[in-house]
Amino acid sequence: MTPTNYGMPQRTSTGFDYRRLALLLAVLEKRVGMNLGQQDVFVNVAGGIRIDEPAVDLGIAVSIASSLRDIPVDSSSVAVGEIGLGGEIRTIGQIEKRVHEAAKLGFKRIIVPQHNLKTFKPNGEIEIIGVDRIEEAIEVLMG
């Protein structure tokens, strides 16, 4: 993310749905108060793959917030969750597998939708933090 040099900011997305990116930017502006109207935004999924999974919303949104604020996200943390128009973090499927894989990959902490914790019993392999809203996730990951 960089300040735009043009009248209209660039929005580029590779490997992630462009319309989904536009929705996430709108939520970050409206619900978190981020001024993204004069920022170019570039999202690139490494490895040449395409991700259609809504659970990556939270990771993408936190990455955008991190870039705008110029504050790095803790590299031992991961975030998963679908973001709704109101800024709420929606329940996602296969939470047990996601938590287990994050732990296997060496992450120490995972941010998940709060509602997923109602049915999931953690086994202590990784710290699990439940959030209800995008603002909470940003606060947990960036302070």
C-alpha atoms as a PDB file:
ATOM      1  CA  MET A   1       0.000   0.000   0.000  1.00  0.00           C
ATOM      2  CA  THR A   2       1.344   3.392  -0.995  1.00  0.00           C
ATOM      3  CA  PRO A   3      -0.070   6.891  -1.436  1.00  0.00           C
ATOM      4  CA  THR A   4      -1.447   7.210  -4.935  1.00  0.00           C
ATOM      5  CA  ASN A   5       0.254   9.319  -7.581  1.00  0.00           C
ATOM      6  CA  TYR A   6      -2.889   9.425  -9.689  1.00  0.00           C
ATOM      7  CA  GLY A   7      -6.334  10.961  -9.304  1.00  0.00           C
ATOM      8  CA  MET A   8      -7.854   7.502  -8.845  1.00  0.00           C
ATOM      9  CA  PRO A   9      -6.034   5.032  -6.537  1.00  0.00           C
ATOM     10  CA  GLN A  10      -4.953   1.697  -8.024  1.00  0.00           C
ATOM     11  CA  ARG A  11      -6.469  -1.511  -6.729  1.00  0.00           C
ATOM     12  CA  THR A  12      -4.621  -4.614  -7.918  1.00  0.00           C
ATOM     13  CA  SER A  13      -5.283  -8.157  -6.804  1.00  0.00           C
ATOM     14  CA  THR A  14      -3.456 -11.287  -7.968  1.00  0.00           C
ATOM     15  CA  GLY A  15      -4.708 -14.632  -6.664  1.00  0.00           C
ATOM     16  CA  PHE A  16      -7.539 -13.027  -4.685  1.00  0.00           C
ATOM     17  CA  ASP A  17     -10.961 -11.881  -5.909  1.00  0.00           C
ATOM     18  CA  TYR A  18     -10.905  -8.180  -6.820  1.00  0.00           C
ATOM     19  CA  ARG A  19     -14.521  -7.620  -5.699  1.00  0.00           C
ATOM     20  CA  ARG A  20     -13.761  -9.237  -2.354  1.00  0.00           C
ATOM     21  CA  LEU A  21     -10.809  -6.862  -1.978  1.00  0.00           C
ATOM     22  CA  ALA A  22     -13.088  -3.892  -2.673  1.00  0.00           C
ATOM     23  CA  LEU A  23     -15.486  -5.139   0.016  1.00  0.00           C
ATOM     24  CA  LEU A  24     -12.669  -5.516   2.565  1.00  0.00           C
ATOM     25  CA  LEU A  25     -11.413  -2.008   1.805  1.00  0.00           C
ATOM     26  CA  ALA A  26     -14.915  -0.609   2.294  1.00  0.00           C
ATOM     27  CA  VAL A  27     -15.246  -2.398   5.654  1.00  0.00           C
ATOM     28  CA  LEU A  28     -11.830  -1.136   6.798  1.00  0.00           C
ATOM     29  CA  GLU A  29     -12.831   2.414   5.899  1.00  0.00           C
ATOM     30  CA  LYS A  30     -16.328   2.343   7.382  1.00  0.00           C
ATOM     31  CA  ARG A  31     -15.871   0.127  10.459  1.00  0.00           C
ATOM     32  CA  VAL A  32     -12.221   0.700  11.402  1.00  0.00           C
ATOM     33  CA  GLY A  33     -11.926   4.312  10.230  1.00  0.00           C
ATOM     34  CA  MET A  34      -8.974   3.783   7.926  1.00  0.00           C
ATOM     35  CA  ASN A  35      -8.541   6.386   5.195  1.00  0.00           C
ATOM     36  CA  LEU A  36      -7.789   4.261   2.138  1.00  0.00           C
ATOM     37  CA  GLY A  37      -9.265   6.600  -0.487  1.00  0.00           C
ATOM     38  CA  GLN A  38      -5.873   8.034  -1.452  1.00  0.00           C
ATOM     39  CA  GLN A  39      -3.905   4.789  -1.180  1.00  0.00           C
ATOM     40  CA  ASP A  40      -2.905   2.365  -3.916  1.00  0.00           C
ATOM     41  CA  VAL A  41      -3.586  -1.183  -2.707  1.00  0.00           C
ATOM     42  CA  PHE A  42      -1.817  -4.265  -4.058  1.00  0.00           C
ATOM     43  CA  VAL A  43      -2.680  -7.795  -2.929  1.00  0.00           C
ATOM     44  CA  ASN A  44      -0.635 -10.714  -4.216  1.00  0.00           C
ATOM     45  CA  VAL A  45      -1.025 -14.354  -3.203  1.00  0.00           C
ATOM     46  CA  ALA A  46       2.416 -15.944  -3.419  1.00  0.00           C
ATOM     47  CA  GLY A  47       3.062 -19.084  -5.401  1.00  0.00           C
ATOM     48  CA  GLY A  48       0.753 -18.315  -8.295  1.00  0.00           C
ATOM     49  CA  ILE A  49      -2.267 -19.909  -6.632  1.00  0.00           C
ATOM     50  CA  ARG A  50      -5.785 -18.527  -6.515  1.00  0.00           C
ATOM     51  CA  ILE A  51      -7.628 -18.381  -3.181  1.00  0.00           C
ATOM     52  CA  ASP A  52     -11.428 -18.317  -3.133  1.00  0.00           C
ATOM     53  CA  GLU A  53     -11.716 -19.236   0.545  1.00  0.00           C
ATOM     54  CA  PRO A  54     -13.595 -16.556   2.548  1.00  0.00           C
ATOM     55  CA  ALA A  55     -11.579 -17.444   5.672  1.00  0.00           C
ATOM     56  CA  VAL A  56      -8.587 -15.523   4.252  1.00  0.00           C
ATOM     57  CA  ASP A  57     -10.511 -12.233   4.617  1.00  0.00           C
ATOM     58  CA  LEU A  58      -9.135 -11.586   8.084  1.00  0.00           C
ATOM     59  CA  GLY A  59      -5.528 -12.194   7.074  1.00  0.00           C
ATOM     60  CA  ILE A  60      -5.828  -9.905   4.038  1.00  0.00           C
ATOM     61  CA  ALA A  61      -7.574  -7.142   6.019  1.00  0.00           C
ATOM     62  CA  VAL A  62      -4.990  -7.230   8.816  1.00  0.00           C
ATOM     63  CA  SER A  63      -2.203  -7.124   6.216  1.00  0.00           C
ATOM     64  CA  ILE A  64      -3.737  -4.013   4.670  1.00  0.00           C
ATOM     65  CA  ALA A  65      -4.072  -2.378   8.101  1.00  0.00           C
ATOM     66  CA  SER A  66      -0.466  -3.303   8.877  1.00  0.00           C
ATOM     67  CA  SER A  67       0.750  -1.710   5.660  1.00  0.00           C
ATOM     68  CA  LEU A  68      -1.269   1.475   6.149  1.00  0.00           C
ATOM     69  CA  ARG A  69      -0.138   1.946   9.749  1.00  0.00           C
ATOM     70  CA  ASP A  70       3.411   0.781   8.940  1.00  0.00           C
ATOM     71  CA  ILE A  71       3.286  -1.588  11.921  1.00  0.00           C
ATOM     72  CA  PRO A  72       4.317  -5.195  11.309  1.00  0.00           C
ATOM     73  CA  VAL A  73       2.065  -8.040  12.395  1.00  0.00           C
ATOM     74  CA  ASP A  74       3.639 -10.496  14.824  1.00  0.00           C
ATOM     75  CA  SER A  75       5.245 -13.149  12.603  1.00  0.00           C
ATOM     76  CA  SER A  76       4.346 -15.962  14.998  1.00  0.00           C
ATOM     77  CA  SER A  77       0.608 -15.254  14.607  1.00  0.00           C
ATOM     78  CA  VAL A  78      -1.954 -16.200  11.986  1.00  0.00           C
ATOM     79  CA  ALA A  79      -5.531 -14.978  11.488  1.00  0.00           C
ATOM     80  CA  VAL A  80      -8.469 -16.779   9.867  1.00  0.00           C
ATOM     81  CA  GLY A  81     -12.051 -15.630   9.488  1.00  0.00           C
ATOM     82  CA  GLU A  82     -14.604 -14.288   7.058  1.00  0.00           C
ATOM     83  CA  ILE A  83     -15.429 -10.595   7.420  1.00  0.00           C
ATOM     84  CA  GLY A  84     -18.997  -9.374   7.006  1.00  0.00           C
ATOM     85  CA  LEU A  85     -20.121  -5.924   5.851  1.00  0.00           C
ATOM     86  CA  GLY A  86     -20.654  -4.807   9.432  1.00  0.00           C
ATOM     87  CA  GLY A  87     -17.074  -5.689  10.390  1.00  0.00           C
ATOM     88  CA  GLU A  88     -18.151  -8.861  12.170  1.00  0.00           C
ATOM     89  CA  ILE A  89     -15.956 -11.966  11.978  1.00  0.00           C
ATOM     90  CA  ARG A  90     -18.100 -14.866  10.788  1.00  0.00           C
ATOM     91  CA  THR A  91     -17.776 -18.511  11.739  1.00  0.00           C
ATOM     92  CA  ILE A  92     -15.669 -20.634   9.386  1.00  0.00           C
ATOM     93  CA  GLY A  93     -15.542 -24.348   8.659  1.00  0.00           C
ATOM     94  CA  GLN A  94     -12.890 -26.884   9.584  1.00  0.00           C
ATOM     95  CA  ILE A  95     -11.515 -24.844  12.478  1.00  0.00           C
ATOM     96  CA  GLU A  96      -9.845 -27.875  14.084  1.00  0.00           C
ATOM     97  CA  LYS A  97      -7.834 -28.595  10.938  1.00  0.00           C
ATOM     98  CA  ARG A  98      -6.854 -24.943  10.544  1.00  0.00           C
ATOM     99  CA  VAL A  99      -5.635 -24.677  14.138  1.00  0.00           C
ATOM    100  CA  HIS A 100      -3.712 -27.952  13.892  1.00  0.00           C
ATOM    101  CA  GLU A 101      -2.044 -26.922  10.603  1.00  0.00           C
ATOM    102  CA  ALA A 102      -1.082 -23.510  11.992  1.00  0.00           C
ATOM    103  CA  ALA A 103       0.574 -25.220  14.960  1.00  0.00           C
ATOM    104  CA  LYS A 104       2.322 -27.690  12.645  1.00  0.00           C
ATOM    105  CA  LEU A 105       3.691 -24.784  10.603  1.00  0.00           C
ATOM    106  CA  GLY A 106       5.223 -23.276  13.742  1.00  0.00           C
ATOM    107  CA  PHE A 107       2.778 -20.486  14.524  1.00  0.00           C
ATOM    108  CA  LYS A 108       2.391 -19.728  18.240  1.00  0.00           C
ATOM    109  CA  ARG A 109      -0.949 -17.903  18.125  1.00  0.00           C
ATOM    110  CA  ILE A 110      -4.058 -18.030  15.948  1.00  0.00           C
ATOM    111  CA  ILE A 111      -6.875 -15.493  15.764  1.00  0.00           C
ATOM    112  CA  VAL A 112     -10.218 -17.149  14.980  1.00  0.00           C
ATOM    113  CA  PRO A 113     -13.906 -16.159  14.962  1.00  0.00           C
ATOM    114  CA  GLN A 114     -15.238 -16.110  18.536  1.00  0.00           C
ATOM    115  CA  HIS A 115     -18.253 -18.207  17.502  1.00  0.00           C
ATOM    116  CA  ASN A 116     -15.963 -21.061  16.419  1.00  0.00           C
ATOM    117  CA  LEU A 117     -14.744 -21.414  20.006  1.00  0.00           C
ATOM    118  CA  LYS A 118     -18.223 -22.495  21.141  1.00  0.00           C
ATOM    119  CA  THR A 119     -17.826 -25.896  19.479  1.00  0.00           C
ATOM    120  CA  PHE A 120     -14.041 -26.274  19.378  1.00  0.00           C
ATOM    121  CA  LYS A 121     -12.069 -27.529  22.353  1.00  0.00           C
ATOM    122  CA  PRO A 122      -8.412 -26.417  22.122  1.00  0.00           C
ATOM    123  CA  ASN A 123      -5.738 -28.962  23.028  1.00  0.00           C
ATOM    124  CA  GLY A 124      -3.045 -26.455  23.995  1.00  0.00           C
ATOM    125  CA  GLU A 125      -0.796 -26.865  20.951  1.00  0.00           C
ATOM    126  CA  ILE A 126      -1.230 -23.167  20.057  1.00  0.00           C
ATOM    127  CA  GLU A 127      -2.680 -20.060  21.736  1.00  0.00           C
ATOM    128  CA  ILE A 128      -6.175 -19.434  20.363  1.00  0.00           C
ATOM    129  CA  ILE A 129      -7.793 -16.002  20.554  1.00  0.00           C
ATOM    130  CA  GLY A 130     -11.412 -15.508  19.537  1.00  0.00           C
ATOM    131  CA  VAL A 131     -12.578 -12.191  18.091  1.00  0.00           C
ATOM    132  CA  ASP A 132     -16.004 -10.872  17.133  1.00  0.00           C
ATOM    133  CA  ARG A 133     -14.981  -7.845  15.065  1.00  0.00           C
ATOM    134  CA  ILE A 134     -12.217  -6.741  12.702  1.00  0.00           C
ATOM    135  CA  GLU A 135     -11.179  -3.972  15.108  1.00  0.00           C
ATOM    136  CA  GLU A 136     -10.476  -6.561  17.809  1.00  0.00           C
ATOM    137  CA  ALA A 137      -8.302  -8.635  15.488  1.00  0.00           C
ATOM    138  CA  ILE A 138      -6.278  -5.597  14.451  1.00  0.00           C
ATOM    139  CA  GLU A 139      -5.810  -4.606  18.106  1.00  0.00           C
ATOM    140  CA  VAL A 140      -4.667  -8.104  19.087  1.00  0.00           C
ATOM    141  CA  LEU A 141      -2.213  -8.419  16.194  1.00  0.00           C
ATOM    142  CA  MET A 142      -0.829  -4.886  16.059  1.00  0.00           C
ATOM    143  CA  GLY A 143      -1.589  -3.332  19.431  1.00  0.00           C
END
